[in-house]
């Protein structure tokens, strides 16, 4: 089974840890980025910084550059997202069986478990691997994070789209694809509120084997820049989104303790081995 990957080159925060987790297990990584270092919403992106990080870790020459024109500011950002991903996926589909589509702030906590699940997905004839992410909102200290959870502090899964798809897959929106999925969760039943309770679960893993999604783990300035360049910029630009995020940053313990009293928006404090950057 041959595996390649594509990444959208835009965010340096957890880039090194994300790519290093699977670098030794893939044959090629397609690097997709706007040639003018401009985001889908027209804001500048630190593409050069990201490429320096990638060049330093690409010791086997696996990365292939695919610059393009993706700052189509008259289009909806999510349409631009889908368009760029599809071009990257098409490029990465040459002479391979599966293509990884992790974002660069997503880190495999257990690559062996992930690729074991991918092998089972391949054996069962699925066309996509739905593998659970753990959404992290704040670094409280050392390896302690504020994490999205169930109402009573259990791990919950999130699925922004299949983390791997068969070569040649057509995407429907961003990473999502209307294909048969091999679905992995943290319990034998669905734990993602965005999916129906009856959503099938084909395999179960421990939360420690999931994907850590560091999407909201940023300092204030970086978070506000990310709000502006994201495909969800329209929703993130609402003042209450920033206020809620800032409030959780200031009061992570109270945010977790108050979880059972809220109707939704639940959090817990979790120990997760944070990616360590080399000196």
C-alpha atoms as a PDB file:
ATOM      1  CA  UNK A   1       0.000   0.000   0.000  1.00  0.00           C
ATOM      2  CA  UNK A   2       1.555   3.250  -1.162  1.00  0.00           C
ATOM      3  CA  UNK A   3       0.722   6.445   0.727  1.00  0.00           C
ATOM      4  CA  UNK A   4       1.372  10.087  -0.126  1.00  0.00           C
ATOM      5  CA  UNK A   5       0.228  13.330   1.523  1.00  0.00           C
ATOM      6  CA  UNK A   6      -0.539  16.917   0.731  1.00  0.00           C
ATOM      7  CA  UNK A   7      -0.359  19.923   3.028  1.00  0.00           C
ATOM      8  CA  UNK A   8      -1.591  23.474   2.656  1.00  0.00           C
ATOM      9  CA  UNK A   9       1.450  25.590   3.486  1.00  0.00           C
ATOM     10  CA  UNK A  10       0.262  28.541   5.564  1.00  0.00           C
ATOM     11  CA  UNK A  11       0.663  28.046   9.313  1.00  0.00           C
ATOM     12  CA  UNK A  12       4.076  27.401  10.940  1.00  0.00           C
ATOM     13  CA  UNK A  13       2.851  26.880  14.528  1.00  0.00           C
ATOM     14  CA  UNK A  14       2.813  23.054  14.691  1.00  0.00           C
ATOM     15  CA  UNK A  15       4.038  22.322  11.186  1.00  0.00           C
ATOM     16  CA  UNK A  16       7.247  20.506  12.112  1.00  0.00           C
ATOM     17  CA  UNK A  17       5.576  18.182  14.621  1.00  0.00           C
ATOM     18  CA  UNK A  18       2.695  17.451  12.256  1.00  0.00           C
ATOM     19  CA  UNK A  19       4.847  16.431   9.296  1.00  0.00           C
ATOM     20  CA  UNK A  20       7.483  14.576  11.314  1.00  0.00           C
ATOM     21  CA  UNK A  21       4.804  12.261  12.745  1.00  0.00           C
ATOM     22  CA  UNK A  22       4.194  10.681   9.328  1.00  0.00           C
ATOM     23  CA  UNK A  23       7.220  11.691   7.237  1.00  0.00           C
ATOM     24  CA  UNK A  24       8.894   8.256   7.416  1.00  0.00           C
ATOM     25  CA  UNK A  25       5.681   6.479   6.360  1.00  0.00           C
ATOM     26  CA  UNK A  26       4.820   8.302   3.135  1.00  0.00           C
ATOM     27  CA  UNK A  27       6.437   8.309  -0.287  1.00  0.00           C
ATOM     28  CA  UNK A  28       5.719  11.909  -1.255  1.00  0.00           C
ATOM     29  CA  UNK A  29       4.355  15.132   0.253  1.00  0.00           C
ATOM     30  CA  UNK A  30       2.836  17.725  -2.055  1.00  0.00           C
ATOM     31  CA  UNK A  31       3.298  21.292  -0.775  1.00  0.00           C
ATOM     32  CA  UNK A  32       0.397  23.477  -1.896  1.00  0.00           C
ATOM     33  CA  UNK A  33       0.611  27.255  -1.402  1.00  0.00           C
ATOM     34  CA  UNK A  34      -0.349  30.513  -3.019  1.00  0.00           C
ATOM     35  CA  UNK A  35       2.554  31.845  -5.086  1.00  0.00           C
ATOM     36  CA  UNK A  36       1.992  35.355  -3.696  1.00  0.00           C
ATOM     37  CA  UNK A  37       1.761  34.179  -0.042  1.00  0.00           C
ATOM     38  CA  UNK A  38      -1.820  35.450   0.130  1.00  0.00           C
ATOM     39  CA  UNK A  39      -4.711  33.765   1.931  1.00  0.00           C
ATOM     40  CA  UNK A  40      -8.178  32.930   0.593  1.00  0.00           C
ATOM     41  CA  UNK A  41      -9.410  36.154   2.203  1.00  0.00           C
ATOM     42  CA  UNK A  42      -6.618  38.353   0.832  1.00  0.00           C
ATOM     43  CA  UNK A  43      -4.445  38.574   3.970  1.00  0.00           C
ATOM     44  CA  UNK A  44      -0.693  37.786   3.972  1.00  0.00           C
ATOM     45  CA  UNK A  45       0.509  34.303   4.933  1.00  0.00           C
ATOM     46  CA  UNK A  46       3.927  33.296   6.372  1.00  0.00           C
ATOM     47  CA  UNK A  47       4.607  30.866   3.517  1.00  0.00           C
ATOM     48  CA  UNK A  48       8.364  31.522   3.389  1.00  0.00           C
ATOM     49  CA  UNK A  49       8.731  30.684   7.096  1.00  0.00           C
ATOM     50  CA  UNK A  50       6.779  27.455   6.592  1.00  0.00           C
ATOM     51  CA  UNK A  51       8.913  26.442   3.601  1.00  0.00           C
ATOM     52  CA  UNK A  52      12.105  26.972   5.621  1.00  0.00           C
ATOM     53  CA  UNK A  53      10.781  24.600   8.290  1.00  0.00           C
ATOM     54  CA  UNK A  54       9.841  22.005   5.684  1.00  0.00           C
ATOM     55  CA  UNK A  55      13.178  22.261   3.868  1.00  0.00           C
ATOM     56  CA  UNK A  56      14.992  21.548   7.136  1.00  0.00           C
ATOM     57  CA  UNK A  57      13.023  18.378   7.888  1.00  0.00           C
ATOM     58  CA  UNK A  58      12.813  17.033   4.300  1.00  0.00           C
ATOM     59  CA  UNK A  59      16.029  15.037   4.597  1.00  0.00           C
ATOM     60  CA  UNK A  60      14.932  12.444   2.009  1.00  0.00           C
ATOM     61  CA  UNK A  61      13.683  14.861  -0.628  1.00  0.00           C
ATOM     62  CA  UNK A  62      10.071  13.693  -0.426  1.00  0.00           C
ATOM     63  CA  UNK A  63       8.441  17.115  -0.727  1.00  0.00           C
ATOM     64  CA  UNK A  64       7.241  18.466  -4.082  1.00  0.00           C
ATOM     65  CA  UNK A  65       6.334  22.135  -4.419  1.00  0.00           C
ATOM     66  CA  UNK A  66       3.005  23.037  -6.001  1.00  0.00           C
ATOM     67  CA  UNK A  67       2.576  26.829  -5.953  1.00  0.00           C
ATOM     68  CA  UNK A  68      -0.599  28.168  -7.504  1.00  0.00           C
ATOM     69  CA  UNK A  69      -3.123  30.983  -7.585  1.00  0.00           C
ATOM     70  CA  UNK A  70      -5.433  30.346  -4.649  1.00  0.00           C
ATOM     71  CA  UNK A  71      -6.196  33.844  -3.329  1.00  0.00           C
ATOM     72  CA  UNK A  72      -9.429  34.101  -5.292  1.00  0.00           C
ATOM     73  CA  UNK A  73     -10.874  36.757  -3.024  1.00  0.00           C
ATOM     74  CA  UNK A  74     -14.118  37.111  -4.980  1.00  0.00           C
ATOM     75  CA  UNK A  75     -14.940  33.492  -4.150  1.00  0.00           C
ATOM     76  CA  UNK A  76     -16.140  32.219  -0.765  1.00  0.00           C
ATOM     77  CA  UNK A  77     -13.112  31.172   1.336  1.00  0.00           C
ATOM     78  CA  UNK A  78     -14.434  27.616   1.737  1.00  0.00           C
ATOM     79  CA  UNK A  79     -14.782  27.318  -2.030  1.00  0.00           C
ATOM     80  CA  UNK A  80     -11.156  28.457  -2.323  1.00  0.00           C
ATOM     81  CA  UNK A  81     -10.228  25.912   0.356  1.00  0.00           C
ATOM     82  CA  UNK A  82     -11.911  23.103  -1.585  1.00  0.00           C
ATOM     83  CA  UNK A  83     -10.353  24.203  -4.885  1.00  0.00           C
ATOM     84  CA  UNK A  84      -6.827  24.298  -3.459  1.00  0.00           C
ATOM     85  CA  UNK A  85      -7.206  20.974  -1.684  1.00  0.00           C
ATOM     86  CA  UNK A  86      -8.537  19.297  -4.806  1.00  0.00           C
ATOM     87  CA  UNK A  87      -5.574  20.474  -6.877  1.00  0.00           C
ATOM     88  CA  UNK A  88      -3.194  19.238  -4.165  1.00  0.00           C
ATOM     89  CA  UNK A  89      -5.029  15.918  -3.827  1.00  0.00           C
ATOM     90  CA  UNK A  90      -4.979  15.380  -7.596  1.00  0.00           C
ATOM     91  CA  UNK A  91      -1.231  16.039  -7.675  1.00  0.00           C
ATOM     92  CA  UNK A  92      -0.600  13.694  -4.729  1.00  0.00           C
ATOM     93  CA  UNK A  93      -2.722  10.926  -6.282  1.00  0.00           C
ATOM     94  CA  UNK A  94      -0.126   9.980  -8.899  1.00  0.00           C
ATOM     95  CA  UNK A  95       1.255   6.451  -8.422  1.00  0.00           C
ATOM     96  CA  UNK A  96      -0.178   5.977  -4.923  1.00  0.00           C
ATOM     97  CA  UNK A  97      -3.088   4.252  -3.187  1.00  0.00           C
ATOM     98  CA  UNK A  98      -3.986   6.662  -0.390  1.00  0.00           C
ATOM     99  CA  UNK A  99      -3.441  10.360   0.264  1.00  0.00           C
ATOM    100  CA  UNK A 100      -3.188  11.865   3.751  1.00  0.00           C
ATOM    101  CA  UNK A 101      -4.894  15.220   4.225  1.00  0.00           C
ATOM    102  CA  UNK A 102      -3.904  16.448   7.668  1.00  0.00           C
ATOM    103  CA  UNK A 103      -3.680  20.149   8.335  1.00  0.00           C
ATOM    104  CA  UNK A 104      -0.396  21.379   9.754  1.00  0.00           C
ATOM    105  CA  UNK A 105      -1.821  22.056  13.235  1.00  0.00           C
ATOM    106  CA  UNK A 106      -2.928  18.411  13.518  1.00  0.00           C
ATOM    107  CA  UNK A 107      -0.481  15.952  15.049  1.00  0.00           C
ATOM    108  CA  UNK A 108      -0.785  12.154  15.110  1.00  0.00           C
ATOM    109  CA  UNK A 109      -0.319  11.118  18.740  1.00  0.00           C
ATOM    110  CA  UNK A 110       0.215   7.474  17.722  1.00  0.00           C
ATOM    111  CA  UNK A 111       1.266   7.081  14.067  1.00  0.00           C
ATOM    112  CA  UNK A 112       1.278   3.285  14.403  1.00  0.00           C
ATOM    113  CA  UNK A 113      -2.393   3.277  15.391  1.00  0.00           C
ATOM    114  CA  UNK A 114      -3.269   5.663  12.579  1.00  0.00           C
ATOM    115  CA  UNK A 115      -1.569   3.646   9.857  1.00  0.00           C
ATOM    116  CA  UNK A 116      -2.973   0.432  11.302  1.00  0.00           C
ATOM    117  CA  UNK A 117      -6.451   1.933  10.903  1.00  0.00           C
ATOM    118  CA  UNK A 118      -5.572   2.971   7.347  1.00  0.00           C
ATOM    119  CA  UNK A 119      -4.575  -0.606   6.504  1.00  0.00           C
ATOM    120  CA  UNK A 120      -7.925  -1.846   7.847  1.00  0.00           C
ATOM    121  CA  UNK A 121      -9.755   0.799   5.832  1.00  0.00           C
ATOM    122  CA  UNK A 122      -7.926  -0.397   2.726  1.00  0.00           C
ATOM    123  CA  UNK A 123      -8.704  -4.057   3.466  1.00  0.00           C
ATOM    124  CA  UNK A 124     -12.421  -3.386   3.959  1.00  0.00           C
ATOM    125  CA  UNK A 125     -12.779  -1.496   0.675  1.00  0.00           C
ATOM    126  CA  UNK A 126     -13.497   1.893   2.244  1.00  0.00           C
ATOM    127  CA  UNK A 127     -12.544   5.018   0.307  1.00  0.00           C
ATOM    128  CA  UNK A 128     -11.856   7.289   3.272  1.00  0.00           C
ATOM    129  CA  UNK A 129     -10.561   7.043   6.835  1.00  0.00           C
ATOM    130  CA  UNK A 130     -12.531   9.031   9.400  1.00  0.00           C
ATOM    131  CA  UNK A 131     -10.071   9.218  12.281  1.00  0.00           C
ATOM    132  CA  UNK A 132     -10.900  11.116  15.486  1.00  0.00           C
ATOM    133  CA  UNK A 133      -9.383  14.473  16.378  1.00  0.00           C
ATOM    134  CA  UNK A 134      -9.178  16.018  19.841  1.00  0.00           C
ATOM    135  CA  UNK A 135      -9.770  19.776  19.687  1.00  0.00           C
ATOM    136  CA  UNK A 136      -7.456  21.747  21.970  1.00  0.00           C
ATOM    137  CA  UNK A 137      -8.199  25.329  22.991  1.00  0.00           C
ATOM    138  CA  UNK A 138      -5.502  26.446  25.384  1.00  0.00           C
ATOM    139  CA  UNK A 139      -2.161  25.380  26.824  1.00  0.00           C
ATOM    140  CA  UNK A 140      -2.680  25.657  30.564  1.00  0.00           C
ATOM    141  CA  UNK A 141       0.892  24.705  31.452  1.00  0.00           C
ATOM    142  CA  UNK A 142       3.457  22.019  30.614  1.00  0.00           C
ATOM    143  CA  UNK A 143       1.452  19.262  28.868  1.00  0.00           C
ATOM    144  CA  UNK A 144      -1.936  20.333  30.261  1.00  0.00           C
ATOM    145  CA  UNK A 145      -4.515  21.586  27.760  1.00  0.00           C
ATOM    146  CA  UNK A 146      -8.092  22.784  27.744  1.00  0.00           C
ATOM    147  CA  UNK A 147      -9.851  20.293  25.482  1.00  0.00           C
ATOM    148  CA  UNK A 148     -13.344  20.021  24.032  1.00  0.00           C
ATOM    149  CA  UNK A 149     -15.160  17.194  25.845  1.00  0.00           C
ATOM    150  CA  UNK A 150     -18.499  15.631  26.686  1.00  0.00           C
ATOM    151  CA  UNK A 151     -20.664  17.208  29.370  1.00  0.00           C
ATOM    152  CA  UNK A 152     -19.046  15.061  32.060  1.00  0.00           C
ATOM    153  CA  UNK A 153     -15.431  15.442  30.957  1.00  0.00           C
ATOM    154  CA  UNK A 154     -15.001  12.400  28.733  1.00  0.00           C
ATOM    155  CA  UNK A 155     -13.042  12.534  25.487  1.00  0.00           C
ATOM    156  CA  UNK A 156     -15.079  13.344  22.398  1.00  0.00           C
ATOM    157  CA  UNK A 157     -14.136  12.967  18.767  1.00  0.00           C
ATOM    158  CA  UNK A 158     -14.257  15.534  15.996  1.00  0.00           C
ATOM    159  CA  UNK A 159     -14.171  14.837  12.272  1.00  0.00           C
ATOM    160  CA  UNK A 160     -13.327  17.810  10.014  1.00  0.00           C
ATOM    161  CA  UNK A 161     -13.147  15.340   7.122  1.00  0.00           C
ATOM    162  CA  UNK A 162     -11.457  12.024   6.363  1.00  0.00           C
ATOM    163  CA  UNK A 163      -7.786  12.181   7.290  1.00  0.00           C
ATOM    164  CA  UNK A 164      -6.936   9.903   4.381  1.00  0.00           C
ATOM    165  CA  UNK A 165      -8.727   9.237   1.101  1.00  0.00           C
ATOM    166  CA  UNK A 166      -8.081   6.972  -1.839  1.00  0.00           C
ATOM    167  CA  UNK A 167      -6.118   8.481  -4.695  1.00  0.00           C
ATOM    168  CA  UNK A 168      -8.350  10.279  -7.161  1.00  0.00           C
ATOM    169  CA  UNK A 169     -11.103  11.118  -4.661  1.00  0.00           C
ATOM    170  CA  UNK A 170     -13.320  14.129  -5.434  1.00  0.00           C
ATOM    171  CA  UNK A 171     -13.809  16.459  -2.473  1.00  0.00           C
ATOM    172  CA  UNK A 172     -17.220  17.966  -1.734  1.00  0.00           C
ATOM    173  CA  UNK A 173     -16.324  20.765   0.733  1.00  0.00           C
ATOM    174  CA  UNK A 174     -12.865  21.437   2.158  1.00  0.00           C
ATOM    175  CA  UNK A 175     -11.621  17.967   3.212  1.00  0.00           C
ATOM    176  CA  UNK A 176     -15.025  16.320   3.175  1.00  0.00           C
ATOM    177  CA  UNK A 177     -15.842  13.671   0.586  1.00  0.00           C
ATOM    178  CA  UNK A 178     -19.026  11.714  -0.120  1.00  0.00           C
ATOM    179  CA  UNK A 179     -17.354   8.295  -0.096  1.00  0.00           C
ATOM    180  CA  UNK A 180     -17.680   5.081   1.976  1.00  0.00           C
ATOM    181  CA  UNK A 181     -15.771   5.655   5.221  1.00  0.00           C
ATOM    182  CA  UNK A 182     -13.978   3.448   7.707  1.00  0.00           C
ATOM    183  CA  UNK A 183     -14.847   5.297  10.906  1.00  0.00           C
ATOM    184  CA  UNK A 184     -12.779   5.182  14.092  1.00  0.00           C
ATOM    185  CA  UNK A 185     -13.963   6.637  17.419  1.00  0.00           C
ATOM    186  CA  UNK A 186     -12.995   6.704  21.085  1.00  0.00           C
ATOM    187  CA  UNK A 187     -15.920   4.496  22.111  1.00  0.00           C
ATOM    188  CA  UNK A 188     -18.055   1.858  20.355  1.00  0.00           C
ATOM    189  CA  UNK A 189     -20.669   4.539  19.621  1.00  0.00           C
ATOM    190  CA  UNK A 190     -20.447   7.980  18.057  1.00  0.00           C
ATOM    191  CA  UNK A 191     -18.996  10.655  20.363  1.00  0.00           C
ATOM    192  CA  UNK A 192     -19.123  13.617  17.960  1.00  0.00           C
ATOM    193  CA  UNK A 193     -22.171  15.870  18.492  1.00  0.00           C
ATOM    194  CA  UNK A 194     -21.959  16.934  14.838  1.00  0.00           C
ATOM    195  CA  UNK A 195     -22.853  13.379  13.773  1.00  0.00           C
ATOM    196  CA  UNK A 196     -26.087  11.489  14.502  1.00  0.00           C
ATOM    197  CA  UNK A 197     -26.056   9.078  17.423  1.00  0.00           C
ATOM    198  CA  UNK A 198     -26.554   6.236  14.939  1.00  0.00           C
ATOM    199  CA  UNK A 199     -23.398   7.032  12.950  1.00  0.00           C
ATOM    200  CA  UNK A 200     -21.460   3.753  12.537  1.00  0.00           C
ATOM    201  CA  UNK A 201     -18.227   3.082  14.393  1.00  0.00           C
ATOM    202  CA  UNK A 202     -16.020   0.419  12.809  1.00  0.00           C
ATOM    203  CA  UNK A 203     -13.082   0.530  15.232  1.00  0.00           C
ATOM    204  CA  UNK A 204     -12.246   1.957  18.654  1.00  0.00           C
ATOM    205  CA  UNK A 205      -8.978   3.520  19.835  1.00  0.00           C
ATOM    206  CA  UNK A 206      -7.858   5.141  23.077  1.00  0.00           C
ATOM    207  CA  UNK A 207      -7.933   8.956  23.136  1.00  0.00           C
ATOM    208  CA  UNK A 208      -4.146   8.856  23.494  1.00  0.00           C
ATOM    209  CA  UNK A 209      -3.991   7.431  19.958  1.00  0.00           C
ATOM    210  CA  UNK A 210      -6.103  10.154  18.344  1.00  0.00           C
ATOM    211  CA  UNK A 211      -5.030  13.289  16.506  1.00  0.00           C
ATOM    212  CA  UNK A 212      -4.274  16.379  18.573  1.00  0.00           C
ATOM    213  CA  UNK A 213      -5.782  19.378  16.814  1.00  0.00           C
ATOM    214  CA  UNK A 214      -4.032  22.517  18.070  1.00  0.00           C
ATOM    215  CA  UNK A 215      -6.308  24.812  16.072  1.00  0.00           C
ATOM    216  CA  UNK A 216      -7.076  27.209  18.931  1.00  0.00           C
ATOM    217  CA  UNK A 217      -3.760  26.923  20.824  1.00  0.00           C
ATOM    218  CA  UNK A 218      -2.285  30.294  19.878  1.00  0.00           C
ATOM    219  CA  UNK A 219      -1.260  33.556  21.453  1.00  0.00           C
ATOM    220  CA  UNK A 220      -3.665  36.456  21.052  1.00  0.00           C
ATOM    221  CA  UNK A 221      -2.013  38.096  18.042  1.00  0.00           C
ATOM    222  CA  UNK A 222      -1.608  34.832  16.121  1.00  0.00           C
ATOM    223  CA  UNK A 223      -5.174  33.780  16.862  1.00  0.00           C
ATOM    224  CA  UNK A 224      -6.575  37.010  15.473  1.00  0.00           C
ATOM    225  CA  UNK A 225      -4.486  36.604  12.296  1.00  0.00           C
ATOM    226  CA  UNK A 226      -5.747  33.056  11.901  1.00  0.00           C
ATOM    227  CA  UNK A 227      -9.342  34.225  12.296  1.00  0.00           C
ATOM    228  CA  UNK A 228      -8.777  36.498   9.283  1.00  0.00           C
ATOM    229  CA  UNK A 229      -7.180  33.941   6.946  1.00  0.00           C
ATOM    230  CA  UNK A 230      -9.313  30.892   7.819  1.00  0.00           C
ATOM    231  CA  UNK A 231     -11.858  29.388   5.469  1.00  0.00           C
ATOM    232  CA  UNK A 232     -14.304  30.070   8.310  1.00  0.00           C
ATOM    233  CA  UNK A 233     -13.307  33.742   8.508  1.00  0.00           C
ATOM    234  CA  UNK A 234     -16.909  34.903   8.097  1.00  0.00           C
ATOM    235  CA  UNK A 235     -17.982  33.075  11.264  1.00  0.00           C
ATOM    236  CA  UNK A 236     -14.753  33.726  13.171  1.00  0.00           C
ATOM    237  CA  UNK A 237     -14.950  37.469  12.521  1.00  0.00           C
ATOM    238  CA  UNK A 238     -17.950  37.766  14.834  1.00  0.00           C
ATOM    239  CA  UNK A 239     -16.815  39.544  18.041  1.00  0.00           C
ATOM    240  CA  UNK A 240     -18.387  36.939  20.327  1.00  0.00           C
ATOM    241  CA  UNK A 241     -16.148  34.201  18.874  1.00  0.00           C
ATOM    242  CA  UNK A 242     -13.034  36.057  19.962  1.00  0.00           C
ATOM    243  CA  UNK A 243     -14.543  36.991  23.345  1.00  0.00           C
ATOM    244  CA  UNK A 244     -15.377  33.356  24.122  1.00  0.00           C
ATOM    245  CA  UNK A 245     -11.916  32.207  23.095  1.00  0.00           C
ATOM    246  CA  UNK A 246     -10.203  34.945  25.143  1.00  0.00           C
ATOM    247  CA  UNK A 247     -12.362  34.139  28.172  1.00  0.00           C
ATOM    248  CA  UNK A 248     -11.352  30.481  28.076  1.00  0.00           C
ATOM    249  CA  UNK A 249      -7.705  31.512  27.742  1.00  0.00           C
ATOM    250  CA  UNK A 250      -7.936  33.620  30.903  1.00  0.00           C
ATOM    251  CA  UNK A 251      -9.989  31.147  32.967  1.00  0.00           C
ATOM    252  CA  UNK A 252      -9.288  27.580  31.780  1.00  0.00           C
ATOM    253  CA  UNK A 253      -9.904  25.965  35.177  1.00  0.00           C
ATOM    254  CA  UNK A 254     -13.266  27.690  35.667  1.00  0.00           C
ATOM    255  CA  UNK A 255     -14.173  26.846  32.070  1.00  0.00           C
ATOM    256  CA  UNK A 256     -13.599  23.144  32.771  1.00  0.00           C
ATOM    257  CA  UNK A 257     -15.244  23.148  36.208  1.00  0.00           C
ATOM    258  CA  UNK A 258     -18.387  24.829  34.865  1.00  0.00           C
ATOM    259  CA  UNK A 259     -18.871  22.339  32.051  1.00  0.00           C
ATOM    260  CA  UNK A 260     -21.744  20.258  33.551  1.00  0.00           C
ATOM    261  CA  UNK A 261     -23.820  23.392  34.138  1.00  0.00           C
ATOM    262  CA  UNK A 262     -23.796  24.384  30.464  1.00  0.00           C
ATOM    263  CA  UNK A 263     -26.070  23.052  27.754  1.00  0.00           C
ATOM    264  CA  UNK A 264     -23.179  22.727  25.316  1.00  0.00           C
ATOM    265  CA  UNK A 265     -19.635  24.010  24.732  1.00  0.00           C
ATOM    266  CA  UNK A 266     -18.078  21.536  27.175  1.00  0.00           C
ATOM    267  CA  UNK A 267     -14.406  21.323  28.162  1.00  0.00           C
ATOM    268  CA  UNK A 268     -11.997  19.365  30.317  1.00  0.00           C
ATOM    269  CA  UNK A 269      -8.323  19.624  31.280  1.00  0.00           C
ATOM    270  CA  UNK A 270      -6.195  16.920  29.663  1.00  0.00           C
ATOM    271  CA  UNK A 271      -2.552  15.876  29.708  1.00  0.00           C
ATOM    272  CA  UNK A 272      -1.241  15.572  26.149  1.00  0.00           C
ATOM    273  CA  UNK A 273       2.413  15.318  25.196  1.00  0.00           C
ATOM    274  CA  UNK A 274       2.945  18.634  23.470  1.00  0.00           C
ATOM    275  CA  UNK A 275       5.059  18.586  20.307  1.00  0.00           C
ATOM    276  CA  UNK A 276       8.614  19.573  21.200  1.00  0.00           C
ATOM    277  CA  UNK A 277      10.467  21.847  18.818  1.00  0.00           C
ATOM    278  CA  UNK A 278      14.146  21.140  18.308  1.00  0.00           C
ATOM    279  CA  UNK A 279      16.560  23.875  19.253  1.00  0.00           C
END
